[in-house]
């Protein structure tokens, strides 16, 4: 499996050979370093721990991270035989036309109502309706006489881990460490993304 970490720059567009406009998301990647190999005997599972964006010298580092001075640490479950601690992973592992799955934290939308959060239809605005149009209506039924667990209601929306699969790599810029992927990706500009090859 191929994998790397990157930061979302934003959306742009690229024109293909036929002149069609292709919407792309630009991801700024860098050199990731393999920090640790997790083994089943020692840790109970197999994974590769990767560090991204090294912390500059002179900046304060928390005590638990002094031996791993990276801003971002992530683990990828993969066959560990291919990797060694200290190994560098760069953008050259991907090429144009590859398919990838990308994970990130979606934009937080704060406390929202049922219509925005779950796509409820709301209530009619005419014909003598005396209730507010954007309410969710009745929340319980007469049989249990309580609100059933799992009922879709207003609450916090967004800020969740989202994975989008089968995204196509449109362009690989090794000089500037930029990856262009077809379509939209989760998270705001500058957010961390995990890119895995399929």
C-alpha atoms as a PDB file:
ATOM      1  CA  UNK A   1       0.000   0.000   0.000  1.00  0.00           C
ATOM      2  CA  UNK A   2       1.153   3.540  -0.769  1.00  0.00           C
ATOM      3  CA  UNK A   3       0.481   6.288   1.775  1.00  0.00           C
ATOM      4  CA  UNK A   4       1.534   9.838   2.605  1.00  0.00           C
ATOM      5  CA  UNK A   5       0.349  12.814   4.656  1.00  0.00           C
ATOM      6  CA  UNK A   6      -0.447  16.259   3.256  1.00  0.00           C
ATOM      7  CA  UNK A   7      -2.175  19.582   3.851  1.00  0.00           C
ATOM      8  CA  UNK A   8      -5.174  20.840   1.913  1.00  0.00           C
ATOM      9  CA  UNK A   9      -4.372  24.011  -0.080  1.00  0.00           C
ATOM     10  CA  UNK A  10      -7.778  24.509  -1.694  1.00  0.00           C
ATOM     11  CA  UNK A  11      -9.690  23.882  -4.901  1.00  0.00           C
ATOM     12  CA  UNK A  12      -8.670  24.766  -8.440  1.00  0.00           C
ATOM     13  CA  UNK A  13      -9.294  23.587 -12.000  1.00  0.00           C
ATOM     14  CA  UNK A  14      -7.272  21.844 -14.669  1.00  0.00           C
ATOM     15  CA  UNK A  15      -8.088  21.449 -18.379  1.00  0.00           C
ATOM     16  CA  UNK A  16      -7.528  17.996 -19.877  1.00  0.00           C
ATOM     17  CA  UNK A  17      -6.369  17.104 -23.408  1.00  0.00           C
ATOM     18  CA  UNK A  18      -9.910  17.454 -24.811  1.00  0.00           C
ATOM     19  CA  UNK A  19     -10.308  20.913 -23.253  1.00  0.00           C
ATOM     20  CA  UNK A  20     -12.740  19.772 -20.545  1.00  0.00           C
ATOM     21  CA  UNK A  21     -12.604  21.548 -17.194  1.00  0.00           C
ATOM     22  CA  UNK A  22     -11.668  19.206 -14.312  1.00  0.00           C
ATOM     23  CA  UNK A  23     -12.278  20.422 -10.724  1.00  0.00           C
ATOM     24  CA  UNK A  24      -9.329  19.440  -8.516  1.00  0.00           C
ATOM     25  CA  UNK A  25      -8.214  19.821  -4.918  1.00  0.00           C
ATOM     26  CA  UNK A  26      -4.563  20.729  -4.369  1.00  0.00           C
ATOM     27  CA  UNK A  27      -2.696  18.987  -1.557  1.00  0.00           C
ATOM     28  CA  UNK A  28       0.711  20.141  -0.317  1.00  0.00           C
ATOM     29  CA  UNK A  29       2.753  17.124   0.726  1.00  0.00           C
ATOM     30  CA  UNK A  30       6.275  16.786   2.031  1.00  0.00           C
ATOM     31  CA  UNK A  31       8.731  14.117   3.020  1.00  0.00           C
ATOM     32  CA  UNK A  32       7.225  11.814   5.633  1.00  0.00           C
ATOM     33  CA  UNK A  33       9.506   9.823   7.902  1.00  0.00           C
ATOM     34  CA  UNK A  34       8.841   6.326   9.217  1.00  0.00           C
ATOM     35  CA  UNK A  35       9.244   6.669  12.995  1.00  0.00           C
ATOM     36  CA  UNK A  36       8.216   3.288  14.334  1.00  0.00           C
ATOM     37  CA  UNK A  37       7.211  -0.172  13.145  1.00  0.00           C
ATOM     38  CA  UNK A  38       4.402  -1.649  15.263  1.00  0.00           C
ATOM     39  CA  UNK A  39       4.517  -5.451  15.517  1.00  0.00           C
ATOM     40  CA  UNK A  40       1.953  -8.004  16.662  1.00  0.00           C
ATOM     41  CA  UNK A  41       4.324  -9.497  19.239  1.00  0.00           C
ATOM     42  CA  UNK A  42       5.119  -6.178  20.937  1.00  0.00           C
ATOM     43  CA  UNK A  43       2.075  -3.942  20.267  1.00  0.00           C
ATOM     44  CA  UNK A  44      -0.698  -6.422  19.425  1.00  0.00           C
ATOM     45  CA  UNK A  45      -1.125  -5.185  15.841  1.00  0.00           C
ATOM     46  CA  UNK A  46       0.964  -4.359  12.787  1.00  0.00           C
ATOM     47  CA  UNK A  47       1.243  -0.764  11.574  1.00  0.00           C
ATOM     48  CA  UNK A  48       3.673   1.858  10.323  1.00  0.00           C
ATOM     49  CA  UNK A  49       3.924   5.119  12.303  1.00  0.00           C
ATOM     50  CA  UNK A  50       4.700   8.140  10.132  1.00  0.00           C
ATOM     51  CA  UNK A  51       5.690  11.705  11.070  1.00  0.00           C
ATOM     52  CA  UNK A  52       4.910  14.802   8.986  1.00  0.00           C
ATOM     53  CA  UNK A  53       6.180  18.425   9.280  1.00  0.00           C
ATOM     54  CA  UNK A  54       9.262  18.436  11.464  1.00  0.00           C
ATOM     55  CA  UNK A  55       9.277  20.957  14.328  1.00  0.00           C
ATOM     56  CA  UNK A  56      12.024  23.547  13.878  1.00  0.00           C
ATOM     57  CA  UNK A  57      14.957  23.654  16.278  1.00  0.00           C
ATOM     58  CA  UNK A  58      14.548  26.133  19.118  1.00  0.00           C
ATOM     59  CA  UNK A  59      10.776  25.699  19.353  1.00  0.00           C
ATOM     60  CA  UNK A  60       9.316  24.206  22.523  1.00  0.00           C
ATOM     61  CA  UNK A  61       8.481  20.495  22.233  1.00  0.00           C
ATOM     62  CA  UNK A  62       6.322  18.632  24.733  1.00  0.00           C
ATOM     63  CA  UNK A  63       8.246  16.025  26.732  1.00  0.00           C
ATOM     64  CA  UNK A  64       6.510  12.899  25.294  1.00  0.00           C
ATOM     65  CA  UNK A  65       7.294  14.082  21.729  1.00  0.00           C
ATOM     66  CA  UNK A  66      10.994  14.960  22.247  1.00  0.00           C
ATOM     67  CA  UNK A  67      12.148  11.736  20.575  1.00  0.00           C
ATOM     68  CA  UNK A  68       9.601  12.287  17.737  1.00  0.00           C
ATOM     69  CA  UNK A  69       9.753  16.032  16.919  1.00  0.00           C
ATOM     70  CA  UNK A  70       6.949  16.121  14.337  1.00  0.00           C
ATOM     71  CA  UNK A  71       3.751  18.178  14.289  1.00  0.00           C
ATOM     72  CA  UNK A  72       1.649  15.279  12.985  1.00  0.00           C
ATOM     73  CA  UNK A  73       1.911  11.559  13.770  1.00  0.00           C
ATOM     74  CA  UNK A  74      -0.278   8.969  12.043  1.00  0.00           C
ATOM     75  CA  UNK A  75      -0.368   5.194  11.771  1.00  0.00           C
ATOM     76  CA  UNK A  76      -1.141   3.150   8.668  1.00  0.00           C
ATOM     77  CA  UNK A  77      -1.965  -0.531   8.949  1.00  0.00           C
ATOM     78  CA  UNK A  78       0.163  -2.245   6.327  1.00  0.00           C
ATOM     79  CA  UNK A  79       2.695  -5.033   5.839  1.00  0.00           C
ATOM     80  CA  UNK A  80       5.656  -3.848   7.875  1.00  0.00           C
ATOM     81  CA  UNK A  81       8.323  -5.883   6.018  1.00  0.00           C
ATOM     82  CA  UNK A  82       8.633  -3.191   3.324  1.00  0.00           C
ATOM     83  CA  UNK A  83       9.474  -0.406   5.812  1.00  0.00           C
ATOM     84  CA  UNK A  84      12.292   0.464   8.181  1.00  0.00           C
ATOM     85  CA  UNK A  85      12.537   3.137  10.898  1.00  0.00           C
ATOM     86  CA  UNK A  86      14.047   6.317   9.465  1.00  0.00           C
ATOM     87  CA  UNK A  87      12.869   5.590   5.923  1.00  0.00           C
ATOM     88  CA  UNK A  88      11.635   8.603   3.910  1.00  0.00           C
ATOM     89  CA  UNK A  89       8.367   8.595   1.959  1.00  0.00           C
ATOM     90  CA  UNK A  90       7.823  11.268  -0.712  1.00  0.00           C
ATOM     91  CA  UNK A  91       5.344  12.095  -3.478  1.00  0.00           C
ATOM     92  CA  UNK A  92       7.174  10.007  -6.098  1.00  0.00           C
ATOM     93  CA  UNK A  93       5.216   6.909  -4.970  1.00  0.00           C
ATOM     94  CA  UNK A  94       2.148   8.272  -6.829  1.00  0.00           C
ATOM     95  CA  UNK A  95       1.699   8.854 -10.539  1.00  0.00           C
ATOM     96  CA  UNK A  96      -1.008  10.428 -12.710  1.00  0.00           C
ATOM     97  CA  UNK A  97      -4.053   8.195 -13.123  1.00  0.00           C
ATOM     98  CA  UNK A  98      -3.664   6.433  -9.740  1.00  0.00           C
ATOM     99  CA  UNK A  99      -6.721   6.028  -7.532  1.00  0.00           C
ATOM    100  CA  UNK A 100      -6.516   7.011  -3.862  1.00  0.00           C
ATOM    101  CA  UNK A 101      -8.723   7.195  -0.773  1.00  0.00           C
ATOM    102  CA  UNK A 102      -8.355  10.337   1.349  1.00  0.00           C
ATOM    103  CA  UNK A 103      -9.345  10.816   4.993  1.00  0.00           C
ATOM    104  CA  UNK A 104      -9.696  14.063   6.929  1.00  0.00           C
ATOM    105  CA  UNK A 105     -11.746  15.904   9.548  1.00  0.00           C
ATOM    106  CA  UNK A 106     -14.776  17.624   8.003  1.00  0.00           C
ATOM    107  CA  UNK A 107     -15.591  21.285   8.628  1.00  0.00           C
ATOM    108  CA  UNK A 108     -17.344  21.869  11.960  1.00  0.00           C
ATOM    109  CA  UNK A 109     -20.730  23.533  11.558  1.00  0.00           C
ATOM    110  CA  UNK A 110     -21.562  24.042  15.240  1.00  0.00           C
ATOM    111  CA  UNK A 111     -25.003  23.420  16.739  1.00  0.00           C
ATOM    112  CA  UNK A 112     -27.526  23.019  13.918  1.00  0.00           C
ATOM    113  CA  UNK A 113     -31.215  22.173  13.595  1.00  0.00           C
ATOM    114  CA  UNK A 114     -32.696  18.961  12.247  1.00  0.00           C
ATOM    115  CA  UNK A 115     -33.310  20.393   8.775  1.00  0.00           C
ATOM    116  CA  UNK A 116     -29.658  21.349   8.184  1.00  0.00           C
ATOM    117  CA  UNK A 117     -28.204  18.379  10.057  1.00  0.00           C
ATOM    118  CA  UNK A 118     -30.371  15.531   8.742  1.00  0.00           C
ATOM    119  CA  UNK A 119     -32.238  17.007   5.756  1.00  0.00           C
ATOM    120  CA  UNK A 120     -35.713  17.026   7.323  1.00  0.00           C
ATOM    121  CA  UNK A 121     -38.458  18.608   5.200  1.00  0.00           C
ATOM    122  CA  UNK A 122     -39.849  20.885   7.898  1.00  0.00           C
ATOM    123  CA  UNK A 123     -43.491  21.873   8.367  1.00  0.00           C
ATOM    124  CA  UNK A 124     -45.887  23.593   5.951  1.00  0.00           C
ATOM    125  CA  UNK A 125     -45.803  27.387   6.027  1.00  0.00           C
ATOM    126  CA  UNK A 126     -49.488  27.873   5.078  1.00  0.00           C
ATOM    127  CA  UNK A 127     -52.939  26.330   5.671  1.00  0.00           C
ATOM    128  CA  UNK A 128     -53.248  27.457   9.265  1.00  0.00           C
ATOM    129  CA  UNK A 129     -49.969  26.058  10.613  1.00  0.00           C
ATOM    130  CA  UNK A 130     -49.291  27.602  14.012  1.00  0.00           C
ATOM    131  CA  UNK A 131     -45.877  26.026  14.578  1.00  0.00           C
ATOM    132  CA  UNK A 132     -42.525  27.250  13.347  1.00  0.00           C
ATOM    133  CA  UNK A 133     -41.650  25.908   9.878  1.00  0.00           C
ATOM    134  CA  UNK A 134     -38.158  24.600  10.731  1.00  0.00           C
ATOM    135  CA  UNK A 135     -39.019  22.502  13.802  1.00  0.00           C
ATOM    136  CA  UNK A 136     -38.510  18.724  13.756  1.00  0.00           C
ATOM    137  CA  UNK A 137     -42.005  17.995  15.112  1.00  0.00           C
ATOM    138  CA  UNK A 138     -42.912  15.212  17.530  1.00  0.00           C
ATOM    139  CA  UNK A 139     -39.931  13.322  18.995  1.00  0.00           C
ATOM    140  CA  UNK A 140     -41.646  10.449  20.817  1.00  0.00           C
ATOM    141  CA  UNK A 141     -44.484   7.993  20.198  1.00  0.00           C
ATOM    142  CA  UNK A 142     -47.389   6.943  22.404  1.00  0.00           C
ATOM    143  CA  UNK A 143     -46.171   3.360  22.917  1.00  0.00           C
ATOM    144  CA  UNK A 144     -42.838   3.738  24.769  1.00  0.00           C
ATOM    145  CA  UNK A 145     -43.825   7.235  26.050  1.00  0.00           C
ATOM    146  CA  UNK A 146     -40.268   8.448  25.754  1.00  0.00           C
ATOM    147  CA  UNK A 147     -37.736   9.521  23.111  1.00  0.00           C
ATOM    148  CA  UNK A 148     -36.274   6.381  21.492  1.00  0.00           C
ATOM    149  CA  UNK A 149     -32.474   6.062  21.468  1.00  0.00           C
ATOM    150  CA  UNK A 150     -30.873   7.095  18.177  1.00  0.00           C
ATOM    151  CA  UNK A 151     -33.607   9.613  17.257  1.00  0.00           C
ATOM    152  CA  UNK A 152     -32.341  12.163  14.734  1.00  0.00           C
ATOM    153  CA  UNK A 153     -32.460  15.543  16.488  1.00  0.00           C
ATOM    154  CA  UNK A 154     -30.687  18.931  16.457  1.00  0.00           C
ATOM    155  CA  UNK A 155     -27.071  18.890  17.642  1.00  0.00           C
ATOM    156  CA  UNK A 156     -23.456  19.406  16.633  1.00  0.00           C
ATOM    157  CA  UNK A 157     -22.783  18.834  12.947  1.00  0.00           C
ATOM    158  CA  UNK A 158     -19.469  18.309  11.162  1.00  0.00           C
ATOM    159  CA  UNK A 159     -16.062  17.898  12.793  1.00  0.00           C
ATOM    160  CA  UNK A 160     -16.072  14.159  12.056  1.00  0.00           C
ATOM    161  CA  UNK A 161     -13.580  11.889  10.314  1.00  0.00           C
ATOM    162  CA  UNK A 162     -14.615  11.448   6.685  1.00  0.00           C
ATOM    163  CA  UNK A 163     -13.063   9.106   4.095  1.00  0.00           C
ATOM    164  CA  UNK A 164     -13.639   9.544   0.362  1.00  0.00           C
ATOM    165  CA  UNK A 165     -12.672   6.545  -1.774  1.00  0.00           C
ATOM    166  CA  UNK A 166     -11.642   6.115  -5.433  1.00  0.00           C
ATOM    167  CA  UNK A 167     -10.413   9.650  -6.134  1.00  0.00           C
ATOM    168  CA  UNK A 168      -8.221   9.987  -9.210  1.00  0.00           C
ATOM    169  CA  UNK A 169      -4.800  11.636  -9.156  1.00  0.00           C
ATOM    170  CA  UNK A 170      -4.809  14.210 -11.971  1.00  0.00           C
ATOM    171  CA  UNK A 171      -1.338  15.733 -11.558  1.00  0.00           C
ATOM    172  CA  UNK A 172       1.828  15.071  -9.530  1.00  0.00           C
ATOM    173  CA  UNK A 173       4.173  18.066  -9.124  1.00  0.00           C
ATOM    174  CA  UNK A 174       7.372  16.648  -7.597  1.00  0.00           C
ATOM    175  CA  UNK A 175       9.200  19.994  -7.777  1.00  0.00           C
ATOM    176  CA  UNK A 176       6.697  21.833  -5.534  1.00  0.00           C
ATOM    177  CA  UNK A 177       5.422  18.730  -3.660  1.00  0.00           C
ATOM    178  CA  UNK A 178       1.829  19.303  -4.800  1.00  0.00           C
ATOM    179  CA  UNK A 179      -0.719  16.594  -5.571  1.00  0.00           C
ATOM    180  CA  UNK A 180      -3.847  17.439  -7.597  1.00  0.00           C
ATOM    181  CA  UNK A 181      -6.803  15.100  -6.953  1.00  0.00           C
ATOM    182  CA  UNK A 182     -10.085  15.151  -8.875  1.00  0.00           C
ATOM    183  CA  UNK A 183     -13.060  16.316  -6.797  1.00  0.00           C
ATOM    184  CA  UNK A 184     -13.643  17.858  -3.361  1.00  0.00           C
ATOM    185  CA  UNK A 185     -12.026  16.737  -0.090  1.00  0.00           C
ATOM    186  CA  UNK A 186     -13.116  17.024   3.562  1.00  0.00           C
ATOM    187  CA  UNK A 187     -11.863  19.742   5.888  1.00  0.00           C
ATOM    188  CA  UNK A 188     -10.950  23.440   5.706  1.00  0.00           C
ATOM    189  CA  UNK A 189      -7.844  24.871   4.027  1.00  0.00           C
ATOM    190  CA  UNK A 190      -4.679  23.892   5.869  1.00  0.00           C
ATOM    191  CA  UNK A 191      -6.197  20.743   7.411  1.00  0.00           C
ATOM    192  CA  UNK A 192      -4.278  17.463   7.544  1.00  0.00           C
ATOM    193  CA  UNK A 193      -5.181  14.733   5.047  1.00  0.00           C
ATOM    194  CA  UNK A 194      -4.220  11.048   4.964  1.00  0.00           C
ATOM    195  CA  UNK A 195      -3.700   9.781   1.395  1.00  0.00           C
ATOM    196  CA  UNK A 196      -3.718   6.032   0.724  1.00  0.00           C
ATOM    197  CA  UNK A 197      -3.233   4.341  -2.631  1.00  0.00           C
ATOM    198  CA  UNK A 198      -5.764   1.733  -3.773  1.00  0.00           C
END
